[in-house]
PDB file of N, CA and C in Angstrom:
ATOM      1  N   MET A   1     165.653  31.555  74.825  1.00  0.00           N
ATOM      2  CA  MET A   1     164.773  32.291  75.044  1.00  0.00           C
ATOM      3  C   MET A   1     164.940  34.083  74.717  1.00  0.00           C
ATOM      4  N   SER A   2     164.382  34.781  74.631  1.00  0.00           N
ATOM      5  CA  SER A   2     164.077  35.941  74.992  1.00  0.00           C
ATOM      6  C   SER A   2     164.537  36.866  75.537  1.00  0.00           C
ATOM      7  N   THR A   3     165.436  37.962  75.874  1.00  0.00           N
ATOM      8  CA  THR A   3     165.953  38.454  76.958  1.00  0.00           C
ATOM      9  C   THR A   3     164.705  39.250  77.255  1.00  0.00           C
ATOM     10  N   GLU A   4     163.652  40.284  77.243  1.00  0.00           N
ATOM     11  CA  GLU A   4     162.306  40.095  77.746  1.00  0.00           C
ATOM     12  C   GLU A   4     161.508  39.271  78.440  1.00  0.00           C
ATOM     13  N   ASP A   5     161.073  38.645  78.045  1.00  0.00           N
ATOM     14  CA  ASP A   5     160.956  36.543  78.370  1.00  0.00           C
ATOM     15  C   ASP A   5     161.219  35.809  79.627  1.00  0.00           C
ATOM     16  N   LYS A   6     162.976  36.729  79.479  1.00  0.00           N
ATOM     17  CA  LYS A   6     163.888  35.873  80.301  1.00  0.00           C
ATOM     18  C   LYS A   6     163.937  36.508  81.481  1.00  0.00           C
ATOM     19  N   ILE A   7     163.057  38.363  81.040  1.00  0.00           N
ATOM     20  CA  ILE A   7     163.264  38.857  82.347  1.00  0.00           C
ATOM     21  C   ILE A   7     161.929  39.276  82.950  1.00  0.00           C
ATOM     22  N   LYS A   8     161.367  38.885  82.598  1.00  0.00           N
ATOM     23  CA  LYS A   8     159.818  39.130  83.812  1.00  0.00           C
ATOM     24  C   LYS A   8     159.374  37.680  83.947  1.00  0.00           C
ATOM     25  N   ALA A   9     160.082  36.095  83.773  1.00  0.00           N
ATOM     26  CA  ALA A   9     159.832  35.685  84.519  1.00  0.00           C
ATOM     27  C   ALA A   9     160.585  35.445  85.718  1.00  0.00           C
ATOM     28  N   THR A  10     161.691  35.948  85.250  1.00  0.00           N
ATOM     29  CA  THR A  10     162.831  35.537  86.857  1.00  0.00           C
ATOM     30  C   THR A  10     162.033  36.400  88.075  1.00  0.00           C
ATOM     31  N   ALA A  11     162.070  37.675  87.036  1.00  0.00           N
ATOM     32  CA  ALA A  11     160.903  39.088  87.851  1.00  0.00           C
ATOM     33  C   ALA A  11     160.435  38.608  88.874  1.00  0.00           C
ATOM     34  N   LYS A  12     158.606  37.042  88.270  1.00  0.00           N
ATOM     35  CA  LYS A  12     157.983  37.323  88.763  1.00  0.00           C
ATOM     36  C   LYS A  12     158.475  35.694  89.418  1.00  0.00           C
ATOM     37  N   ASN A  13     159.567  35.238  89.624  1.00  0.00           N
ATOM     38  CA  ASN A  13     160.120  34.207  90.213  1.00  0.00           C
ATOM     39  C   ASN A  13     160.718  34.878  91.892  1.00  0.00           C
ATOM     40  N   ILE A  14     161.322  36.226  91.803  1.00  0.00           N
ATOM     41  CA  ILE A  14     161.946  36.952  93.144  1.00  0.00           C
ATOM     42  C   ILE A  14     160.375  37.880  93.576  1.00  0.00           C
ATOM     43  N   GLU A  15     159.835  38.102  92.770  1.00  0.00           N
ATOM     44  CA  GLU A  15     158.046  38.384  93.648  1.00  0.00           C
ATOM     45  C   GLU A  15     157.546  37.360  94.378  1.00  0.00           C
ATOM     46  N   GLY A  16     157.786  36.349  93.603  1.00  0.00           N
ATOM     47  CA  GLY A  16     156.862  34.841  94.624  1.00  0.00           C
ATOM     48  C   GLY A  16     157.748  34.948  95.173  1.00  0.00           C
ATOM     49  N   LYS A  17     159.413  34.960  96.149  1.00  0.00           N
ATOM     50  CA  LYS A  17     159.667  34.715  97.504  1.00  0.00           C
ATOM     51  C   LYS A  17     159.386  35.436  97.909  1.00  0.00           C
ATOM     52  N   ALA A  18     159.476  37.138  97.893  1.00  0.00           N
ATOM     53  CA  ALA A  18     159.636  37.721  98.523  1.00  0.00           C
ATOM     54  C   ALA A  18     158.094  37.852  98.634  1.00  0.00           C
ATOM     55  N   GLN A  19     156.937  37.430  97.956  1.00  0.00           N
ATOM     56  CA  GLN A  19     155.799  37.370  98.897  1.00  0.00           C
ATOM     57  C   GLN A  19     155.745  36.470 100.011  1.00  0.00           C
ATOM     58  N   GLU A  20     156.221  34.642  99.832  1.00  0.00           N
ATOM     59  CA  GLU A  20     156.195  34.332 100.362  1.00  0.00           C
ATOM     60  C   GLU A  20     157.187  34.423 101.527  1.00  0.00           C
ATOM     61  N   ALA A  21     158.011  34.750 101.338  1.00  0.00           N
ATOM     62  CA  ALA A  21     158.660  35.478 102.729  1.00  0.00           C
ATOM     63  C   ALA A  21     158.060  36.437 103.416  1.00  0.00           C
ATOM     64  N   MET A  22     157.185  36.714 103.389  1.00  0.00           N
ATOM     65  CA  MET A  22     156.021  37.676 103.818  1.00  0.00           C
ATOM     66  C   MET A  22     155.364  37.301 104.312  1.00  0.00           C
ATOM     67  N   GLY A  23     155.059  36.248 103.757  1.00  0.00           N
ATOM     68  CA  GLY A  23     153.841  35.698 104.564  1.00  0.00           C
ATOM     69  C   GLY A  23     154.305  34.679 105.839  1.00  0.00           C
ATOM     70  N   ASN A  24     156.080  33.922 105.266  1.00  0.00           N
ATOM     71  CA  ASN A  24     156.503  33.464 106.467  1.00  0.00           C
ATOM     72  C   ASN A  24     156.443  35.015 107.271  1.00  0.00           C
ATOM     73  N   VAL A  25     157.039  35.413 107.425  1.00  0.00           N
ATOM     74  CA  VAL A  25     157.642  36.495 108.968  1.00  0.00           C
ATOM     75  C   VAL A  25     155.816  37.102 109.241  1.00  0.00           C
ATOM     76  N   THR A  26     155.003  37.148 108.253  1.00  0.00           N
ATOM     77  CA  THR A  26     153.057  37.361 109.383  1.00  0.00           C
ATOM     78  C   THR A  26     152.633  36.987 109.096  1.00  0.00           C
ATOM     79  N   GLY A  27     153.288  34.592 109.005  1.00  0.00           N
ATOM     80  CA  GLY A  27     152.531  34.358 109.417  1.00  0.00           C
ATOM     81  C   GLY A  27     151.356  34.058 108.871  1.00  0.00           C
ATOM     82  N   ASP A  28     150.937  34.616 107.452  1.00  0.00           N
ATOM     83  CA  ASP A  28     150.257  34.026 106.256  1.00  0.00           C
ATOM     84  C   ASP A  28     149.713  33.451 105.288  1.00  0.00           C
ATOM     85  N   PRO A  29     149.173  32.786 105.190  1.00  0.00           N
ATOM     86  CA  PRO A  29     149.136  31.431 104.539  1.00  0.00           C
ATOM     87  C   PRO A  29     148.381  31.476 103.159  1.00  0.00           C
ATOM     88  N   GLU A  30     148.102  33.036 102.559  1.00  0.00           N
ATOM     89  CA  GLU A  30     147.188  33.183 101.410  1.00  0.00           C
ATOM     90  C   GLU A  30     149.138  33.414 100.989  1.00  0.00           C
ATOM     91  N   ASP A  31     148.996  34.276 101.596  1.00  0.00           N
ATOM     92  CA  ASP A  31     150.467  34.789 101.014  1.00  0.00           C
ATOM     93  C   ASP A  31     151.409  33.820 100.557  1.00  0.00           C
ATOM     94  N   GLN A  32     152.410  32.937 101.455  1.00  0.00           N
ATOM     95  CA  GLN A  32     153.198  32.249 101.649  1.00  0.00           C
ATOM     96  C   GLN A  32     152.596  31.447 100.281  1.00  0.00           C
ATOM     97  N   ALA A  33     151.323  30.732  99.661  1.00  0.00           N
ATOM     98  CA  ALA A  33     150.729  30.248  98.639  1.00  0.00           C
ATOM     99  C   ALA A  33     150.367  30.748  97.452  1.00  0.00           C
ATOM    100  N   GLU A  34     150.023  32.472  97.455  1.00  0.00           N
ATOM    101  CA  GLU A  34     150.459  33.034  96.211  1.00  0.00           C
ATOM    102  C   GLU A  34     151.903  33.569  95.824  1.00  0.00           C
ATOM    103  N   GLY A  35     153.302  33.329  97.048  1.00  0.00           N
ATOM    104  CA  GLY A  35     154.227  33.240  96.443  1.00  0.00           C
ATOM    105  C   GLY A  35     154.874  32.116  96.614  1.00  0.00           C
ATOM    106  N   LYS A  36     154.254  31.145  96.291  1.00  0.00           N
ATOM    107  CA  LYS A  36     155.129  29.484  95.719  1.00  0.00           C
ATOM    108  C   LYS A  36     153.876  29.450  94.288  1.00  0.00           C
ATOM    109  N   ALA A  37     153.273  29.954  94.457  1.00  0.00           N
ATOM    110  CA  ALA A  37     152.445  30.115  92.962  1.00  0.00           C
ATOM    111  C   ALA A  37     152.419  30.397  91.902  1.00  0.00           C
ATOM    112  N   LYS A  38     153.677  32.155  92.370  1.00  0.00           N
ATOM    113  CA  LYS A  38     154.338  32.670  91.600  1.00  0.00           C
ATOM    114  C   LYS A  38     155.446  32.141  90.553  1.00  0.00           C
ATOM    115  N   GLN A  39     155.919  31.473  91.601  1.00  0.00           N
ATOM    116  CA  GLN A  39     157.442  30.786  91.547  1.00  0.00           C
ATOM    117  C   GLN A  39     156.956  29.386  90.277  1.00  0.00           C
ATOM    118  N   ALA A  40     156.071  29.047  90.793  1.00  0.00           N
ATOM    119  CA  ALA A  40     156.111  27.636  90.040  1.00  0.00           C
ATOM    120  C   ALA A  40     155.162  28.796  88.460  1.00  0.00           C
ATOM    121  N   GLU A  41     154.668  29.449  88.351  1.00  0.00           N
ATOM    122  CA  GLU A  41     154.383  30.558  87.075  1.00  0.00           C
ATOM    123  C   GLU A  41     155.437  30.640  86.731  1.00  0.00           C
ATOM    124  N   ALA A  42     156.343  31.265  87.206  1.00  0.00           N
ATOM    125  CA  ALA A  42     157.481  31.425  86.874  1.00  0.00           C
ATOM    126  C   ALA A  42     158.484  30.454  86.013  1.00  0.00           C
ATOM    127  N   GLU A  43     158.647  29.254  86.750  1.00  0.00           N
ATOM    128  CA  GLU A  43     159.493  28.119  86.075  1.00  0.00           C
ATOM    129  C   GLU A  43     158.959  27.628  85.221  1.00  0.00           C
ATOM    130  N   VAL A  44     157.321  27.567  85.060  1.00  0.00           N
ATOM    131  CA  VAL A  44     157.011  27.635  83.656  1.00  0.00           C
ATOM    132  C   VAL A  44     157.331  27.899  82.761  1.00  0.00           C
ATOM    133  N   ARG A  45     156.906  29.371  82.892  1.00  0.00           N
ATOM    134  CA  ARG A  45     157.651  30.210  81.780  1.00  0.00           C
ATOM    135  C   ARG A  45     158.896  30.083  81.117  1.00  0.00           C
ATOM    136  N   HIS A  46     160.109  30.028  82.297  1.00  0.00           N
ATOM    137  CA  HIS A  46     161.370  29.659  81.684  1.00  0.00           C
ATOM    138  C   HIS A  46     161.533  27.866  80.795  1.00  0.00           C
ATOM    139  N   GLY A  47     160.367  26.910  81.277  1.00  0.00           N
ATOM    140  CA  GLY A  47     160.187  25.509  80.773  1.00  0.00           C
ATOM    141  C   GLY A  47     160.044  26.413  79.384  1.00  0.00           C
ATOM    142  N   VAL A  48     158.819  26.966  79.309  1.00  0.00           N
ATOM    143  CA  VAL A  48     158.368  27.308  77.623  1.00  0.00           C
ATOM    144  C   VAL A  48     159.252  27.629  76.899  1.00  0.00           C
ATOM    145  N   GLU A  49     160.036  28.786  77.562  1.00  0.00           N
ATOM    146  CA  GLU A  49     161.511  29.749  76.753  1.00  0.00           C
ATOM    147  C   GLU A  49     162.081  28.306  76.193  1.00  0.00           C
ATOM    148  N   ASN A  50     162.828  27.763  77.143  1.00  0.00           N
ATOM    149  CA  ASN A  50     164.015  26.787  77.322  1.00  0.00           C
ATOM    150  C   ASN A  50     163.409  26.029  76.136  1.00  0.00           C
ATOM    151  N   ALA A  51     162.324  25.575  75.539  1.00  0.00           N
ATOM    152  CA  ALA A  51     161.229  24.788  74.837  1.00  0.00           C
ATOM    153  C   ALA A  51     161.270  25.042  73.969  1.00  0.00           C
ATOM    154  N   LYS A  52     161.523  26.207  73.520  1.00  0.00           N
ATOM    155  CA  LYS A  52     161.502  27.625  72.172  1.00  0.00           C
ATOM    156  C   LYS A  52     163.004  27.274  71.710  1.00  0.00           C
ATOM    157  N   ASP A  53     163.240  27.316  72.357  1.00  0.00           N
ATOM    158  CA  ASP A  53     164.996  27.670  72.192  1.00  0.00           C
ATOM    159  C   ASP A  53     165.596  26.095  71.410  1.00  0.00           C
ATOM    160  N   ALA A  54     165.068  24.992  71.793  1.00  0.00           N
ATOM    161  CA  ALA A  54     165.616  23.831  71.596  1.00  0.00           C
ATOM    162  C   ALA A  54     165.256  23.635  70.001  1.00  0.00           C
ATOM    163  N   VAL A  55     164.279  23.932  70.239  1.00  0.00           N
ATOM    164  CA  VAL A  55     163.233  23.848  68.565  1.00  0.00           C
ATOM    165  C   VAL A  55     163.981  24.852  67.890  1.00  0.00           C
ATOM    166  N   LYS A  56     163.786  25.756  68.496  1.00  0.00           N
ATOM    167  CA  LYS A  56     164.612  26.597  66.830  1.00  0.00           C
ATOM    168  C   LYS A  56     166.334  26.096  66.559  1.00  0.00           C
ATOM    169  N   LYS A  57     166.836  25.550  68.160  1.00  0.00           N
ATOM    170  CA  LYS A  57     168.543  25.434  67.245  1.00  0.00           C
ATOM    171  C   LYS A  57     168.173  24.570  67.003  1.00  0.00           C
ATOM    172  N   ALA A  58     166.951  23.479  66.733  1.00  0.00           N
ATOM    173  CA  ALA A  58     167.332  22.134  66.889  1.00  0.00           C
ATOM    174  C   ALA A  58     166.801  21.924  65.181  1.00  0.00           C
ATOM    175  N   ILE A  59     166.468  23.538  64.540  1.00  0.00           N
ATOM    176  CA  ILE A  59     165.612  23.446  63.316  1.00  0.00           C
ATOM    177  C   ILE A  59     166.978  24.813  62.714  1.00  0.00           C
ATOM    178  N   ASP A  60     167.560  24.945  62.978  1.00  0.00           N
ATOM    179  CA  ASP A  60     168.617  26.088  62.687  1.00  0.00           C
ATOM    180  C   ASP A  60     169.466  24.640  61.906  1.00  0.00           C
TER     181      ASP A  60
END
């Protein structure tokens, strides 16, 4: 996983957690849902990068 992509995915996860927490505090279900969606996107990004790493390792 490239460092830049890893940082971006981690930042997206943190952003999602913060937005979900804010939604929990304010009682805003839209913020809660958007925060969870951002966290899911970050998980997918991590999975894609991990798959790339596995393929690269298998080839090398």
